[in-house]
């Protein structure tokens, strides 16, 4: 991680050797912050993360409430639901 931070301050690509680079300071970071693709990707990542976290939490709570109710065959439903988690993959 520290190496990545170090390289972000250099004028470097994957073809140049580290000895052929020079220090550019925050120029790379400024270029990334001005890039439209970066902000689009950042917004997509935030949207996906928010929707995924909320969606999985709602689904998990709904399943937990369903499995906690008393109805006929609840033991069979619980067994079928938990069987993949406790069985061997092979």
C-alpha atoms as a PDB file:
ATOM      1  CA  UNK A   1       0.000   0.000   0.000  1.00  0.00           C
ATOM      2  CA  UNK A   2       2.828   2.383   0.793  1.00  0.00           C
ATOM      3  CA  UNK A   3       4.480   1.488  -2.513  1.00  0.00           C
ATOM      4  CA  UNK A   4       1.243   2.337  -4.337  1.00  0.00           C
ATOM      5  CA  UNK A   5       1.137   5.707  -2.596  1.00  0.00           C
ATOM      6  CA  UNK A   6       4.781   6.295  -3.515  1.00  0.00           C
ATOM      7  CA  UNK A   7       4.204   5.414  -7.185  1.00  0.00           C
ATOM      8  CA  UNK A   8       1.171   7.723  -7.362  1.00  0.00           C
ATOM      9  CA  UNK A   9       3.525  10.688  -6.983  1.00  0.00           C
ATOM     10  CA  UNK A  10       5.694   9.600  -9.922  1.00  0.00           C
ATOM     11  CA  UNK A  11       5.402   9.931 -13.703  1.00  0.00           C
ATOM     12  CA  UNK A  12       5.337   6.189 -14.309  1.00  0.00           C
ATOM     13  CA  UNK A  13       3.607   3.541 -16.367  1.00  0.00           C
ATOM     14  CA  UNK A  14       4.050  -0.216 -16.512  1.00  0.00           C
ATOM     15  CA  UNK A  15       6.633  -0.004 -19.322  1.00  0.00           C
ATOM     16  CA  UNK A  16       9.050   2.423 -17.656  1.00  0.00           C
ATOM     17  CA  UNK A  17      11.484   1.188 -15.072  1.00  0.00           C
ATOM     18  CA  UNK A  18      11.298   2.830 -11.668  1.00  0.00           C
ATOM     19  CA  UNK A  19      14.707   4.439 -12.289  1.00  0.00           C
ATOM     20  CA  UNK A  20      13.317   6.168 -15.436  1.00  0.00           C
ATOM     21  CA  UNK A  21      10.559   8.028 -13.590  1.00  0.00           C
ATOM     22  CA  UNK A  22      10.502  11.445 -12.026  1.00  0.00           C
ATOM     23  CA  UNK A  23       8.527  13.035  -9.214  1.00  0.00           C
ATOM     24  CA  UNK A  24       5.369  14.920 -10.288  1.00  0.00           C
ATOM     25  CA  UNK A  25       3.754  15.515  -6.901  1.00  0.00           C
ATOM     26  CA  UNK A  26      -0.025  15.796  -6.854  1.00  0.00           C
ATOM     27  CA  UNK A  27      -0.284  16.148 -10.641  1.00  0.00           C
ATOM     28  CA  UNK A  28      -1.518  12.547 -11.053  1.00  0.00           C
ATOM     29  CA  UNK A  29      -4.141  12.944  -8.343  1.00  0.00           C
ATOM     30  CA  UNK A  30      -5.335  16.229  -9.848  1.00  0.00           C
ATOM     31  CA  UNK A  31      -5.643  14.522 -13.243  1.00  0.00           C
ATOM     32  CA  UNK A  32      -7.714  11.713 -11.748  1.00  0.00           C
ATOM     33  CA  UNK A  33     -10.021  14.149  -9.952  1.00  0.00           C
ATOM     34  CA  UNK A  34     -10.618  16.004 -13.235  1.00  0.00           C
ATOM     35  CA  UNK A  35     -11.332  12.799 -15.171  1.00  0.00           C
ATOM     36  CA  UNK A  36     -15.001  12.284 -16.000  1.00  0.00           C
ATOM     37  CA  UNK A  37     -14.604   8.489 -16.122  1.00  0.00           C
ATOM     38  CA  UNK A  38     -13.287   8.464 -12.545  1.00  0.00           C
ATOM     39  CA  UNK A  39     -16.349  10.271 -11.204  1.00  0.00           C
ATOM     40  CA  UNK A  40     -18.694   8.078 -13.212  1.00  0.00           C
ATOM     41  CA  UNK A  41     -16.999   4.935 -11.895  1.00  0.00           C
ATOM     42  CA  UNK A  42     -16.975   6.338  -8.360  1.00  0.00           C
ATOM     43  CA  UNK A  43     -20.714   7.093  -8.520  1.00  0.00           C
ATOM     44  CA  UNK A  44     -21.435   3.621  -9.919  1.00  0.00           C
ATOM     45  CA  UNK A  45     -19.421   2.031  -7.111  1.00  0.00           C
ATOM     46  CA  UNK A  46     -21.262   4.033  -4.454  1.00  0.00           C
ATOM     47  CA  UNK A  47     -24.637   3.220  -5.982  1.00  0.00           C
ATOM     48  CA  UNK A  48     -23.852  -0.493  -6.265  1.00  0.00           C
ATOM     49  CA  UNK A  49     -22.536  -0.640  -2.695  1.00  0.00           C
ATOM     50  CA  UNK A  50     -25.533   1.188  -1.252  1.00  0.00           C
ATOM     51  CA  UNK A  51     -28.051  -0.931  -3.147  1.00  0.00           C
ATOM     52  CA  UNK A  52     -26.221  -4.167  -2.364  1.00  0.00           C
ATOM     53  CA  UNK A  53     -25.935  -3.459   1.361  1.00  0.00           C
ATOM     54  CA  UNK A  54     -29.552  -2.326   1.711  1.00  0.00           C
ATOM     55  CA  UNK A  55     -30.834  -5.158  -0.469  1.00  0.00           C
ATOM     56  CA  UNK A  56     -28.985  -7.892   1.374  1.00  0.00           C
ATOM     57  CA  UNK A  57     -29.985  -6.509   4.761  1.00  0.00           C
ATOM     58  CA  UNK A  58     -33.673  -6.364   3.798  1.00  0.00           C
ATOM     59  CA  UNK A  59     -33.540  -9.853   2.321  1.00  0.00           C
ATOM     60  CA  UNK A  60     -31.709 -11.270   5.346  1.00  0.00           C
ATOM     61  CA  UNK A  61     -34.204  -9.758   7.792  1.00  0.00           C
ATOM     62  CA  UNK A  62     -37.140 -11.007   5.721  1.00  0.00           C
ATOM     63  CA  UNK A  63     -35.731 -14.548   5.660  1.00  0.00           C
ATOM     64  CA  UNK A  64     -34.977 -14.422   9.394  1.00  0.00           C
ATOM     65  CA  UNK A  65     -38.521 -13.283  10.201  1.00  0.00           C
ATOM     66  CA  UNK A  66     -39.953 -15.981   7.923  1.00  0.00           C
ATOM     67  CA  UNK A  67     -37.837 -18.727   9.489  1.00  0.00           C
ATOM     68  CA  UNK A  68     -38.713 -17.548  12.997  1.00  0.00           C
ATOM     69  CA  UNK A  69     -42.481 -17.913  12.485  1.00  0.00           C
ATOM     70  CA  UNK A  70     -44.378 -20.971  13.685  1.00  0.00           C
ATOM     71  CA  UNK A  71     -45.994 -22.938  10.864  1.00  0.00           C
ATOM     72  CA  UNK A  72     -46.268 -26.566   9.893  1.00  0.00           C
ATOM     73  CA  UNK A  73     -43.079 -27.811   8.261  1.00  0.00           C
ATOM     74  CA  UNK A  74     -40.889 -25.066   9.705  1.00  0.00           C
ATOM     75  CA  UNK A  75     -38.243 -27.641  10.655  1.00  0.00           C
ATOM     76  CA  UNK A  76     -38.086 -28.945   7.072  1.00  0.00           C
ATOM     77  CA  UNK A  77     -37.802 -25.431   5.632  1.00  0.00           C
ATOM     78  CA  UNK A  78     -35.040 -24.545   8.103  1.00  0.00           C
ATOM     79  CA  UNK A  79     -33.191 -27.766   7.301  1.00  0.00           C
ATOM     80  CA  UNK A  80     -33.399 -27.165   3.557  1.00  0.00           C
ATOM     81  CA  UNK A  81     -32.278 -23.555   4.013  1.00  0.00           C
ATOM     82  CA  UNK A  82     -29.290 -24.334   6.249  1.00  0.00           C
ATOM     83  CA  UNK A  83     -28.200 -27.585   4.570  1.00  0.00           C
ATOM     84  CA  UNK A  84     -25.835 -25.926   2.031  1.00  0.00           C
ATOM     85  CA  UNK A  85     -24.063 -24.071   4.862  1.00  0.00           C
ATOM     86  CA  UNK A  86     -23.371 -27.138   6.971  1.00  0.00           C
ATOM     87  CA  UNK A  87     -22.824 -29.787   4.308  1.00  0.00           C
ATOM     88  CA  UNK A  88     -19.533 -30.688   2.716  1.00  0.00           C
ATOM     89  CA  UNK A  89     -18.854 -29.096  -0.683  1.00  0.00           C
ATOM     90  CA  UNK A  90     -17.370 -32.270  -2.167  1.00  0.00           C
END
